[in-house]
Amino acid sequence: TLSQLPDWLNYWSEFESYFLALDNKTRAASSEALVETTDVQRVARMFREGGCGALQDIMAEVAAPRKRLSIFRFFCEENRRNRPLRPFCPATCECPSRAASSDLFCPLVQ
């Protein structure tokens, strides 16, 4: 399982370190799921323990569809603040339907 992979645990350790070093306003600009320090810690813990399914749990906590899409994009698409989860979670991040030929992070889908 992912929770036992060193790369997965390192990803979340680095994620936590990076986002905890930011102020609340900067974190909130990154993702609505990461406004407070406790949000960063909770999200990292949810992913460490729950694997890729944590993304659906986090999105389920948000009522507005636009906010859910924003959270999906934050975790699954390339952006300047963090690497996407696609190499670990290709199905959750919808690689088969969303990946482009220039995509660096979705595994090649036949």
PDB file of N, CA and C in Angstrom:
ATOM      1  N   THR A   1       0.835  -1.198   0.000  1.00  0.00           N
ATOM      2  CA  THR A   1       0.000   0.000   0.000  1.00  0.00           C
ATOM      3  C   THR A   1       0.876   1.258   0.000  1.00  0.00           C
ATOM      4  N   LEU A   2       0.277   2.356  -0.400  1.00  0.00           N
ATOM      5  CA  LEU A   2       1.025   3.619  -0.446  1.00  0.00           C
ATOM      6  C   LEU A   2       1.580   4.016   0.911  1.00  0.00           C
ATOM      7  N   SER A   3       0.835   3.759   1.955  1.00  0.00           N
ATOM      8  CA  SER A   3       1.258   4.192   3.288  1.00  0.00           C
ATOM      9  C   SER A   3       2.569   3.565   3.739  1.00  0.00           C
ATOM     10  N   GLN A   4       3.031   2.563   3.008  1.00  0.00           N
ATOM     11  CA  GLN A   4       4.291   1.917   3.359  1.00  0.00           C
ATOM     12  C   GLN A   4       5.425   2.252   2.397  1.00  0.00           C
ATOM     13  N   LEU A   5       5.134   3.017   1.355  1.00  0.00           N
ATOM     14  CA  LEU A   5       6.161   3.387   0.379  1.00  0.00           C
ATOM     15  C   LEU A   5       6.965   4.591   0.862  1.00  0.00           C
ATOM     16  N   PRO A   6       8.279   4.489   0.898  1.00  0.00           N
ATOM     17  CA  PRO A   6       9.096   5.630   1.323  1.00  0.00           C
ATOM     18  C   PRO A   6       8.861   6.887   0.481  1.00  0.00           C
ATOM     19  N   ASP A   7       8.666   6.731  -0.826  1.00  0.00           N
ATOM     20  CA  ASP A   7       8.431   7.904  -1.676  1.00  0.00           C
ATOM     21  C   ASP A   7       7.134   8.621  -1.305  1.00  0.00           C
ATOM     22  N   TRP A   8       6.116   7.874  -0.972  1.00  0.00           N
ATOM     23  CA  TRP A   8       4.826   8.455  -0.560  1.00  0.00           C
ATOM     24  C   TRP A   8       4.992   9.208   0.763  1.00  0.00           C
ATOM     25  N   LEU A   9       5.648   8.596   1.703  1.00  0.00           N
ATOM     26  CA  LEU A   9       5.860   9.241   3.002  1.00  0.00           C
ATOM     27  C   LEU A   9       6.751  10.470   2.858  1.00  0.00           C
ATOM     28  N   ASN A  10       7.769  10.399   2.013  1.00  0.00           N
ATOM     29  CA  ASN A  10       8.632  11.559   1.765  1.00  0.00           C
ATOM     30  C   ASN A  10       7.859  12.691   1.107  1.00  0.00           C
ATOM     31  N   TYR A  11       6.974  12.350   0.163  1.00  0.00           N
ATOM     32  CA  TYR A  11       6.157  13.364  -0.506  1.00  0.00           C
ATOM     33  C   TYR A  11       5.386  14.175   0.526  1.00  0.00           C
ATOM     34  N   TRP A  12       4.733  13.483   1.457  1.00  0.00           N
ATOM     35  CA  TRP A  12       3.889  14.174   2.436  1.00  0.00           C
ATOM     36  C   TRP A  12       4.707  14.883   3.500  1.00  0.00           C
ATOM     37  N   SER A  13       5.868  14.376   3.810  1.00  0.00           N
ATOM     38  CA  SER A  13       6.758  15.065   4.737  1.00  0.00           C
ATOM     39  C   SER A  13       7.213  16.399   4.132  1.00  0.00           C
ATOM     40  N   GLU A  14       7.626  16.364   2.866  1.00  0.00           N
ATOM     41  CA  GLU A  14       8.046  17.591   2.180  1.00  0.00           C
ATOM     42  C   GLU A  14       6.876  18.544   1.982  1.00  0.00           C
ATOM     43  N   PHE A  15       5.717  18.006   1.646  1.00  0.00           N
ATOM     44  CA  PHE A  15       4.504  18.805   1.485  1.00  0.00           C
ATOM     45  C   PHE A  15       4.218  19.582   2.766  1.00  0.00           C
ATOM     46  N   GLU A  16       4.234  18.858   3.879  1.00  0.00           N
ATOM     47  CA  GLU A  16       3.961  19.477   5.173  1.00  0.00           C
ATOM     48  C   GLU A  16       5.000  20.556   5.502  1.00  0.00           C
ATOM     49  N   SER A  17       6.259  20.242   5.326  1.00  0.00           N
ATOM     50  CA  SER A  17       7.325  21.206   5.627  1.00  0.00           C
ATOM     51  C   SER A  17       7.171  22.475   4.806  1.00  0.00           C
ATOM     52  N   TYR A  18       6.914  22.305   3.516  1.00  0.00           N
ATOM     53  CA  TYR A  18       6.787  23.460   2.627  1.00  0.00           C
ATOM     54  C   TYR A  18       5.593  24.330   3.016  1.00  0.00           C
ATOM     55  N   PHE A  19       4.427  23.726   3.159  1.00  0.00           N
ATOM     56  CA  PHE A  19       3.224  24.513   3.406  1.00  0.00           C
ATOM     57  C   PHE A  19       3.153  25.062   4.828  1.00  0.00           C
ATOM     58  N   LEU A  20       3.765  24.398   5.789  1.00  0.00           N
ATOM     59  CA  LEU A  20       3.786  24.941   7.142  1.00  0.00           C
ATOM     60  C   LEU A  20       4.696  26.158   7.242  1.00  0.00           C
ATOM     61  N   ALA A  21       5.646  26.280   6.334  1.00  0.00           N
ATOM     62  CA  ALA A  21       6.542  27.438   6.335  1.00  0.00           C
ATOM     63  C   ALA A  21       5.869  28.690   5.752  1.00  0.00           C
ATOM     64  N   LEU A  22       4.731  28.512   5.076  1.00  0.00           N
ATOM     65  CA  LEU A  22       4.022  29.642   4.480  1.00  0.00           C
ATOM     66  C   LEU A  22       3.063  30.264   5.483  1.00  0.00           C
ATOM     67  N   ASP A  23       2.735  31.535   5.281  1.00  0.00           N
ATOM     68  CA  ASP A  23       1.722  32.161   6.133  1.00  0.00           C
ATOM     69  C   ASP A  23       0.325  31.734   5.647  1.00  0.00           C
ATOM     70  N   ASN A  24      -0.683  31.949   6.493  1.00  0.00           N
ATOM     71  CA  ASN A  24      -2.045  31.496   6.194  1.00  0.00           C
ATOM     72  C   ASN A  24      -2.569  32.058   4.875  1.00  0.00           C
ATOM     73  N   LYS A  25      -2.298  33.327   4.597  1.00  0.00           N
ATOM     74  CA  LYS A  25      -2.804  33.964   3.379  1.00  0.00           C
ATOM     75  C   LYS A  25      -2.212  33.293   2.139  1.00  0.00           C
ATOM     76  N   THR A  26      -0.933  33.009   2.163  1.00  0.00           N
ATOM     77  CA  THR A  26      -0.277  32.362   1.028  1.00  0.00           C
ATOM     78  C   THR A  26      -0.796  30.941   0.856  1.00  0.00           C
ATOM     79  N   ARG A  27      -0.985  30.230   1.967  1.00  0.00           N
ATOM     80  CA  ARG A  27      -1.542  28.879   1.890  1.00  0.00           C
ATOM     81  C   ARG A  27      -2.946  28.917   1.304  1.00  0.00           C
ATOM     82  N   ALA A  28      -3.760  29.853   1.757  1.00  0.00           N
ATOM     83  CA  ALA A  28      -5.138  29.952   1.275  1.00  0.00           C
ATOM     84  C   ALA A  28      -5.174  30.240  -0.221  1.00  0.00           C
ATOM     85  N   ALA A  29      -4.199  31.011  -0.711  1.00  0.00           N
ATOM     86  CA  ALA A  29      -4.130  31.292  -2.150  1.00  0.00           C
ATOM     87  C   ALA A  29      -3.774  30.030  -2.936  1.00  0.00           C
ATOM     88  N   SER A  30      -3.092  29.083  -2.293  1.00  0.00           N
ATOM     89  CA  SER A  30      -2.725  27.828  -2.945  1.00  0.00           C
ATOM     90  C   SER A  30      -3.919  26.897  -3.052  1.00  0.00           C
ATOM     91  N   SER A  31      -4.598  26.705  -1.948  1.00  0.00           N
ATOM     92  CA  SER A  31      -5.737  25.796  -1.909  1.00  0.00           C
ATOM     93  C   SER A  31      -6.594  26.107  -0.695  1.00  0.00           C
ATOM     94  N   GLU A  32      -7.891  26.049  -0.896  1.00  0.00           N
ATOM     95  CA  GLU A  32      -8.812  26.312   0.205  1.00  0.00           C
ATOM     96  C   GLU A  32      -8.766  25.213   1.258  1.00  0.00           C
ATOM     97  N   ALA A  33      -8.159  24.102   0.927  1.00  0.00           N
ATOM     98  CA  ALA A  33      -8.051  23.004   1.885  1.00  0.00           C
ATOM     99  C   ALA A  33      -6.889  23.192   2.841  1.00  0.00           C
ATOM    100  N   LEU A  34      -6.082  24.253   2.643  1.00  0.00           N
ATOM    101  CA  LEU A  34      -4.844  24.402   3.415  1.00  0.00           C
ATOM    102  C   LEU A  34      -4.734  25.737   4.132  1.00  0.00           C
ATOM    103  N   VAL A  35      -5.817  26.342   4.542  1.00  0.00           N
ATOM    104  CA  VAL A  35      -5.776  27.683   5.108  1.00  0.00           C
ATOM    105  C   VAL A  35      -5.002  27.736   6.422  1.00  0.00           C
ATOM    106  N   GLU A  36      -5.333  26.885   7.340  1.00  0.00           N
ATOM    107  CA  GLU A  36      -4.717  26.912   8.667  1.00  0.00           C
ATOM    108  C   GLU A  36      -3.611  25.857   8.775  1.00  0.00           C
ATOM    109  N   THR A  37      -2.731  26.062   9.748  1.00  0.00           N
ATOM    110  CA  THR A  37      -1.662  25.091  10.013  1.00  0.00           C
ATOM    111  C   THR A  37      -2.249  23.709  10.269  1.00  0.00           C
ATOM    112  N   THR A  38      -3.323  23.661  11.028  1.00  0.00           N
ATOM    113  CA  THR A  38      -3.946  22.367  11.329  1.00  0.00           C
ATOM    114  C   THR A  38      -4.510  21.712  10.062  1.00  0.00           C
ATOM    115  N   ASP A  39      -4.932  22.528   9.076  1.00  0.00           N
ATOM    116  CA  ASP A  39      -5.422  21.975   7.807  1.00  0.00           C
ATOM    117  C   ASP A  39      -4.303  21.234   7.083  1.00  0.00           C
ATOM    118  N   VAL A  40      -3.121  21.842   7.040  1.00  0.00           N
ATOM    119  CA  VAL A  40      -1.975  21.224   6.367  1.00  0.00           C
ATOM    120  C   VAL A  40      -1.652  19.887   7.027  1.00  0.00           C
ATOM    121  N   GLN A  41      -1.586  19.887   8.336  1.00  0.00           N
ATOM    122  CA  GLN A  41      -1.259  18.659   9.065  1.00  0.00           C
ATOM    123  C   GLN A  41      -2.329  17.590   8.872  1.00  0.00           C
ATOM    124  N   ARG A  42      -3.585  17.996   8.902  1.00  0.00           N
ATOM    125  CA  ARG A  42      -4.696  17.053   8.745  1.00  0.00           C
ATOM    126  C   ARG A  42      -4.717  16.457   7.337  1.00  0.00           C
ATOM    127  N   VAL A  43      -4.540  17.303   6.319  1.00  0.00           N
ATOM    128  CA  VAL A  43      -4.536  16.829   4.936  1.00  0.00           C
ATOM    129  C   VAL A  43      -3.381  15.851   4.720  1.00  0.00           C
ATOM    130  N   ALA A  44      -2.196  16.197   5.180  1.00  0.00           N
ATOM    131  CA  ALA A  44      -1.040  15.309   5.024  1.00  0.00           C
ATOM    132  C   ALA A  44      -1.301  13.975   5.734  1.00  0.00           C
ATOM    133  N   ARG A  45      -1.854  14.023   6.931  1.00  0.00           N
ATOM    134  CA  ARG A  45      -2.159  12.792   7.677  1.00  0.00           C
ATOM    135  C   ARG A  45      -3.203  11.951   6.932  1.00  0.00           C
ATOM    136  N   MET A  46      -4.236  12.610   6.388  1.00  0.00           N
ATOM    137  CA  MET A  46      -5.277  11.881   5.661  1.00  0.00           C
ATOM    138  C   MET A  46      -4.682  11.134   4.467  1.00  0.00           C
ATOM    139  N   PHE A  47      -3.807  11.785   3.734  1.00  0.00           N
ATOM    140  CA  PHE A  47      -3.177  11.130   2.591  1.00  0.00           C
ATOM    141  C   PHE A  47      -2.200  10.048   3.028  1.00  0.00           C
ATOM    142  N   ARG A  48      -1.396  10.328   4.051  1.00  0.00           N
ATOM    143  CA  ARG A  48      -0.442   9.304   4.514  1.00  0.00           C
ATOM    144  C   ARG A  48      -1.175   8.038   4.928  1.00  0.00           C
ATOM    145  N   GLU A  49      -2.268   8.202   5.637  1.00  0.00           N
ATOM    146  CA  GLU A  49      -3.009   7.050   6.162  1.00  0.00           C
ATOM    147  C   GLU A  49      -3.997   6.463   5.166  1.00  0.00           C
ATOM    148  N   GLY A  50      -4.630   7.317   4.372  1.00  0.00           N
ATOM    149  CA  GLY A  50      -5.711   6.859   3.496  1.00  0.00           C
ATOM    150  C   GLY A  50      -5.360   6.691   2.039  1.00  0.00           C
ATOM    151  N   GLY A  51      -4.140   7.043   1.676  1.00  0.00           N
ATOM    152  CA  GLY A  51      -3.745   6.908   0.279  1.00  0.00           C
ATOM    153  C   GLY A  51      -4.518   7.855  -0.623  1.00  0.00           C
ATOM    154  N   CYS A  52      -4.663   7.460  -1.858  1.00  0.00           N
ATOM    155  CA  CYS A  52      -5.291   8.308  -2.872  1.00  0.00           C
ATOM    156  C   CYS A  52      -6.748   8.644  -2.559  1.00  0.00           C
ATOM    157  N   GLY A  53      -7.420   7.765  -1.848  1.00  0.00           N
ATOM    158  CA  GLY A  53      -8.819   7.993  -1.496  1.00  0.00           C
ATOM    159  C   GLY A  53      -9.037   9.228  -0.643  1.00  0.00           C
ATOM    160  N   ALA A  54      -7.993   9.717  -0.010  1.00  0.00           N
ATOM    161  CA  ALA A  54      -8.124  10.925   0.815  1.00  0.00           C
ATOM    162  C   ALA A  54      -8.559  12.125  -0.014  1.00  0.00           C
ATOM    163  N   LEU A  55      -8.212  12.156  -1.292  1.00  0.00           N
ATOM    164  CA  LEU A  55      -8.616  13.283  -2.129  1.00  0.00           C
ATOM    165  C   LEU A  55     -10.134  13.377  -2.200  1.00  0.00           C
ATOM    166  N   GLN A  56     -10.794  12.252  -2.391  1.00  0.00           N
ATOM    167  CA  GLN A  56     -12.265  12.256  -2.436  1.00  0.00           C
ATOM    168  C   GLN A  56     -12.849  12.679  -1.089  1.00  0.00           C
ATOM    169  N   ASP A  57     -12.230  12.260   0.005  1.00  0.00           N
ATOM    170  CA  ASP A  57     -12.700  12.641   1.334  1.00  0.00           C
ATOM    171  C   ASP A  57     -12.577  14.141   1.546  1.00  0.00           C
ATOM    172  N   ILE A  58     -11.464  14.718   1.105  1.00  0.00           N
ATOM    173  CA  ILE A  58     -11.244  16.155   1.260  1.00  0.00           C
ATOM    174  C   ILE A  58     -12.227  16.932   0.391  1.00  0.00           C
ATOM    175  N   MET A  59     -12.419  16.489  -0.835  1.00  0.00           N
ATOM    176  CA  MET A  59     -13.351  17.186  -1.715  1.00  0.00           C
ATOM    177  C   MET A  59     -14.790  17.076  -1.204  1.00  0.00           C
ATOM    178  N   ALA A  60     -15.121  15.975  -0.551  1.00  0.00           N
ATOM    179  CA  ALA A  60     -16.474  15.792  -0.014  1.00  0.00           C
ATOM    180  C   ALA A  60     -16.782  16.763   1.117  1.00  0.00           C
ATOM    181  N   GLU A  61     -15.742  17.294   1.748  1.00  0.00           N
ATOM    182  CA  GLU A  61     -15.937  18.253   2.841  1.00  0.00           C
ATOM    183  C   GLU A  61     -16.322  19.644   2.329  1.00  0.00           C
ATOM    184  N   VAL A  62     -16.187  19.865   1.042  1.00  0.00           N
ATOM    185  CA  VAL A  62     -16.420  21.183   0.450  1.00  0.00           C
ATOM    186  C   VAL A  62     -17.740  21.153  -0.314  1.00  0.00           C
ATOM    187  N   ALA A  63     -18.597  22.123  -0.050  1.00  0.00           N
ATOM    188  CA  ALA A  63     -19.922  22.128  -0.657  1.00  0.00           C
ATOM    189  C   ALA A  63     -19.927  22.601  -2.111  1.00  0.00           C
ATOM    190  N   ALA A  64     -19.202  23.652  -2.412  1.00  0.00           N
ATOM    191  CA  ALA A  64     -19.275  24.269  -3.735  1.00  0.00           C
ATOM    192  C   ALA A  64     -18.503  23.470  -4.780  1.00  0.00           C
ATOM    193  N   PRO A  65     -19.141  23.124  -5.903  1.00  0.00           N
ATOM    194  CA  PRO A  65     -18.457  22.380  -6.966  1.00  0.00           C
ATOM    195  C   PRO A  65     -17.185  23.079  -7.462  1.00  0.00           C
ATOM    196  N   ARG A  66     -17.211  24.386  -7.553  1.00  0.00           N
ATOM    197  CA  ARG A  66     -16.028  25.120  -8.017  1.00  0.00           C
ATOM    198  C   ARG A  66     -14.855  24.920  -7.061  1.00  0.00           C
ATOM    199  N   LYS A  67     -15.141  24.885  -5.771  1.00  0.00           N
ATOM    200  CA  LYS A  67     -14.083  24.669  -4.776  1.00  0.00           C
ATOM    201  C   LYS A  67     -13.562  23.241  -4.842  1.00  0.00           C
ATOM    202  N   ARG A  68     -14.450  22.288  -5.085  1.00  0.00           N
ATOM    203  CA  ARG A  68     -14.009  20.894  -5.230  1.00  0.00           C
ATOM    204  C   ARG A  68     -13.088  20.763  -6.438  1.00  0.00           C
ATOM    205  N   LEU A  69     -13.443  21.409  -7.542  1.00  0.00           N
ATOM    206  CA  LEU A  69     -12.599  21.371  -8.736  1.00  0.00           C
ATOM    207  C   LEU A  69     -11.250  22.020  -8.457  1.00  0.00           C
ATOM    208  N   SER A  70     -11.255  23.098  -7.708  1.00  0.00           N
ATOM    209  CA  SER A  70     -10.011  23.777  -7.346  1.00  0.00           C
ATOM    210  C   SER A  70      -9.103  22.851  -6.535  1.00  0.00           C
ATOM    211  N   ILE A  71      -9.678  22.124  -5.593  1.00  0.00           N
ATOM    212  CA  ILE A  71      -8.905  21.188  -4.772  1.00  0.00           C
ATOM    213  C   ILE A  71      -8.374  20.048  -5.644  1.00  0.00           C
ATOM    214  N   PHE A  72      -9.214  19.533  -6.529  1.00  0.00           N
ATOM    215  CA  PHE A  72      -8.777  18.473  -7.448  1.00  0.00           C
ATOM    216  C   PHE A  72      -7.583  18.960  -8.265  1.00  0.00           C
ATOM    217  N   ARG A  73      -7.703  20.139  -8.829  1.00  0.00           N
ATOM    218  CA  ARG A  73      -6.622  20.678  -9.660  1.00  0.00           C
ATOM    219  C   ARG A  73      -5.355  20.895  -8.846  1.00  0.00           C
ATOM    220  N   PHE A  74      -5.496  21.389  -7.635  1.00  0.00           N
ATOM    221  CA  PHE A  74      -4.330  21.637  -6.794  1.00  0.00           C
ATOM    222  C   PHE A  74      -3.533  20.353  -6.584  1.00  0.00           C
ATOM    223  N   PHE A  75      -4.219  19.269  -6.273  1.00  0.00           N
ATOM    224  CA  PHE A  75      -3.523  18.021  -5.973  1.00  0.00           C
ATOM    225  C   PHE A  75      -3.158  17.212  -7.218  1.00  0.00           C
ATOM    226  N   CYS A  76      -3.892  17.359  -8.306  1.00  0.00           N
ATOM    227  CA  CYS A  76      -3.677  16.482  -9.467  1.00  0.00           C
ATOM    228  C   CYS A  76      -3.035  17.140 -10.681  1.00  0.00           C
ATOM    229  N   GLU A  77      -3.039  18.444 -10.755  1.00  0.00           N
ATOM    230  CA  GLU A  77      -2.458  19.101 -11.922  1.00  0.00           C
ATOM    231  C   GLU A  77      -1.151  19.786 -11.557  1.00  0.00           C
ATOM    232  N   GLU A  78      -0.320  19.984 -12.566  1.00  0.00           N
ATOM    233  CA  GLU A  78       0.942  20.673 -12.340  1.00  0.00           C
ATOM    234  C   GLU A  78       0.675  22.116 -11.928  1.00  0.00           C
ATOM    235  N   ASN A  79       1.423  22.573 -10.933  1.00  0.00           N
ATOM    236  CA  ASN A  79       1.355  23.972 -10.525  1.00  0.00           C
ATOM    237  C   ASN A  79       2.707  24.365  -9.940  1.00  0.00           C
ATOM    238  N   ARG A  80       2.854  25.630  -9.611  1.00  0.00           N
ATOM    239  CA  ARG A  80       4.152  26.129  -9.156  1.00  0.00           C
ATOM    240  C   ARG A  80       4.487  25.763  -7.715  1.00  0.00           C
ATOM    241  N   ARG A  81       3.514  25.327  -6.941  1.00  0.00           N
ATOM    242  CA  ARG A  81       3.760  25.130  -5.516  1.00  0.00           C
ATOM    243  C   ARG A  81       4.019  23.682  -5.110  1.00  0.00           C
ATOM    244  N   ASN A  82       3.531  22.752  -5.866  1.00  0.00           N
ATOM    245  CA  ASN A  82       3.751  21.363  -5.479  1.00  0.00           C
ATOM    246  C   ASN A  82       3.653  20.442  -6.680  1.00  0.00           C
ATOM    247  N   ARG A  83       4.233  19.271  -6.547  1.00  0.00           N
ATOM    248  CA  ARG A  83       4.134  18.251  -7.590  1.00  0.00           C
ATOM    249  C   ARG A  83       2.775  17.574  -7.480  1.00  0.00           C
ATOM    250  N   PRO A  84       2.189  17.218  -8.604  1.00  0.00           N
ATOM    251  CA  PRO A  84       0.877  16.568  -8.551  1.00  0.00           C
ATOM    252  C   PRO A  84       0.970  15.131  -8.027  1.00  0.00           C
ATOM    253  N   LEU A  85      -0.166  14.638  -7.607  1.00  0.00           N
ATOM    254  CA  LEU A  85      -0.259  13.261  -7.103  1.00  0.00           C
ATOM    255  C   LEU A  85      -0.370  12.231  -8.222  1.00  0.00           C
ATOM    256  N   ARG A  86      -0.434  12.658  -9.449  1.00  0.00           N
ATOM    257  CA  ARG A  86      -0.695  11.740 -10.569  1.00  0.00           C
ATOM    258  C   ARG A  86       0.232  10.533 -10.636  1.00  0.00           C
ATOM    259  N   PRO A  87       1.538  10.651 -10.375  1.00  0.00           N
ATOM    260  CA  PRO A  87       2.360   9.427 -10.442  1.00  0.00           C
ATOM    261  C   PRO A  87       1.940   8.370  -9.416  1.00  0.00           C
ATOM    262  N   PHE A  88       1.455   8.828  -8.271  1.00  0.00           N
ATOM    263  CA  PHE A  88       1.000   7.911  -7.225  1.00  0.00           C
ATOM    264  C   PHE A  88      -0.455   7.488  -7.433  1.00  0.00           C
ATOM    265  N   CYS A  89      -1.263   8.401  -7.950  1.00  0.00           N
ATOM    266  CA  CYS A  89      -2.718   8.207  -7.997  1.00  0.00           C
ATOM    267  C   CYS A  89      -3.284   8.461  -9.394  1.00  0.00           C
ATOM    268  N   PRO A  90      -2.834   7.712 -10.407  1.00  0.00           N
ATOM    269  CA  PRO A  90      -3.294   8.012 -11.768  1.00  0.00           C
ATOM    270  C   PRO A  90      -4.804   7.863 -11.955  1.00  0.00           C
ATOM    271  N   ALA A  91      -5.422   6.897 -11.308  1.00  0.00           N
ATOM    272  CA  ALA A  91      -6.867   6.731 -11.458  1.00  0.00           C
ATOM    273  C   ALA A  91      -7.619   7.847 -10.747  1.00  0.00           C
ATOM    274  N   THR A  92      -7.230   8.155  -9.530  1.00  0.00           N
ATOM    275  CA  THR A  92      -7.883   9.218  -8.762  1.00  0.00           C
ATOM    276  C   THR A  92      -7.753  10.553  -9.480  1.00  0.00           C
ATOM    277  N   CYS A  93      -6.606  10.788 -10.093  1.00  0.00           N
ATOM    278  CA  CYS A  93      -6.358  12.044 -10.806  1.00  0.00           C
ATOM    279  C   CYS A  93      -6.817  11.979 -12.261  1.00  0.00           C
ATOM    280  N   GLU A  94      -7.511  10.913 -12.610  1.00  0.00           N
ATOM    281  CA  GLU A  94      -8.150  10.761 -13.916  1.00  0.00           C
ATOM    282  C   GLU A  94      -7.167  10.855 -15.081  1.00  0.00           C
ATOM    283  N   CYS A  95      -5.996  10.247 -14.919  1.00  0.00           N
ATOM    284  CA  CYS A  95      -4.996  10.253 -15.995  1.00  0.00           C
ATOM    285  C   CYS A  95      -5.524   9.701 -17.319  1.00  0.00           C
ATOM    286  N   PRO A  96      -6.268   8.588 -17.305  1.00  0.00           N
ATOM    287  CA  PRO A  96      -6.712   8.068 -18.603  1.00  0.00           C
ATOM    288  C   PRO A  96      -7.538   9.069 -19.420  1.00  0.00           C
ATOM    289  N   SER A  97      -8.309   9.922 -18.758  1.00  0.00           N
ATOM    290  CA  SER A  97      -9.158  10.854 -19.502  1.00  0.00           C
ATOM    291  C   SER A  97      -8.604  12.269 -19.581  1.00  0.00           C
ATOM    292  N   ARG A  98      -7.695  12.640 -18.681  1.00  0.00           N
ATOM    293  CA  ARG A  98      -7.207  14.014 -18.641  1.00  0.00           C
ATOM    294  C   ARG A  98      -5.781  14.198 -19.140  1.00  0.00           C
ATOM    295  N   ALA A  99      -5.013  13.138 -19.230  1.00  0.00           N
ATOM    296  CA  ALA A  99      -3.598  13.271 -19.568  1.00  0.00           C
ATOM    297  C   ALA A  99      -3.408  13.731 -21.007  1.00  0.00           C
ATOM    298  N   ALA A 100      -2.439  14.605 -21.183  1.00  0.00           N
ATOM    299  CA  ALA A 100      -2.037  15.056 -22.516  1.00  0.00           C
ATOM    300  C   ALA A 100      -0.733  14.353 -22.875  1.00  0.00           C
ATOM    301  N   SER A 101      -0.410  14.339 -24.145  1.00  0.00           N
ATOM    302  CA  SER A 101       0.823  13.670 -24.565  1.00  0.00           C
ATOM    303  C   SER A 101       2.054  14.335 -23.958  1.00  0.00           C
ATOM    304  N   SER A 102       1.941  15.617 -23.595  1.00  0.00           N
ATOM    305  CA  SER A 102       3.068  16.338 -23.001  1.00  0.00           C
ATOM    306  C   SER A 102       3.113  16.213 -21.474  1.00  0.00           C
ATOM    307  N   ASP A 103       2.207  15.451 -20.918  1.00  0.00           N
ATOM    308  CA  ASP A 103       2.104  15.318 -19.472  1.00  0.00           C
ATOM    309  C   ASP A 103       3.343  14.640 -18.901  1.00  0.00           C
ATOM    310  N   LEU A 104       3.960  15.281 -17.928  1.00  0.00           N
ATOM    311  CA  LEU A 104       5.168  14.743 -17.323  1.00  0.00           C
ATOM    312  C   LEU A 104       4.897  13.802 -16.158  1.00  0.00           C
ATOM    313  N   PHE A 105       3.688  13.826 -15.622  1.00  0.00           N
ATOM    314  CA  PHE A 105       3.436  13.112 -14.381  1.00  0.00           C
ATOM    315  C   PHE A 105       2.456  11.960 -14.463  1.00  0.00           C
ATOM    316  N   CYS A 106       1.587  11.929 -15.459  1.00  0.00           N
ATOM    317  CA  CYS A 106       0.690  10.786 -15.599  1.00  0.00           C
ATOM    318  C   CYS A 106       1.472   9.644 -16.243  1.00  0.00           C
ATOM    319  N   PRO A 107       1.337   8.460 -15.688  1.00  0.00           N
ATOM    320  CA  PRO A 107       1.971   7.310 -16.347  1.00  0.00           C
ATOM    321  C   PRO A 107       1.375   7.134 -17.738  1.00  0.00           C
ATOM    322  N   LEU A 108       2.148   6.610 -18.648  1.00  0.00           N
ATOM    323  CA  LEU A 108       1.638   6.370 -19.996  1.00  0.00           C
ATOM    324  C   LEU A 108       0.483   5.394 -19.925  1.00  0.00           C
ATOM    325  N   VAL A 109      -0.602   5.758 -20.564  1.00  0.00           N
ATOM    326  CA  VAL A 109      -1.788   4.925 -20.569  1.00  0.00           C
ATOM    327  C   VAL A 109      -1.955   4.366 -21.977  1.00  0.00           C
ATOM    328  N   GLN A 110      -2.092   3.074 -22.065  1.00  0.00           N
ATOM    329  CA  GLN A 110      -2.245   2.427 -23.374  1.00  0.00           C
ATOM    330  C   GLN A 110      -3.683   2.461 -23.806  1.00  0.00           C
TER     331      GLN A 110
END
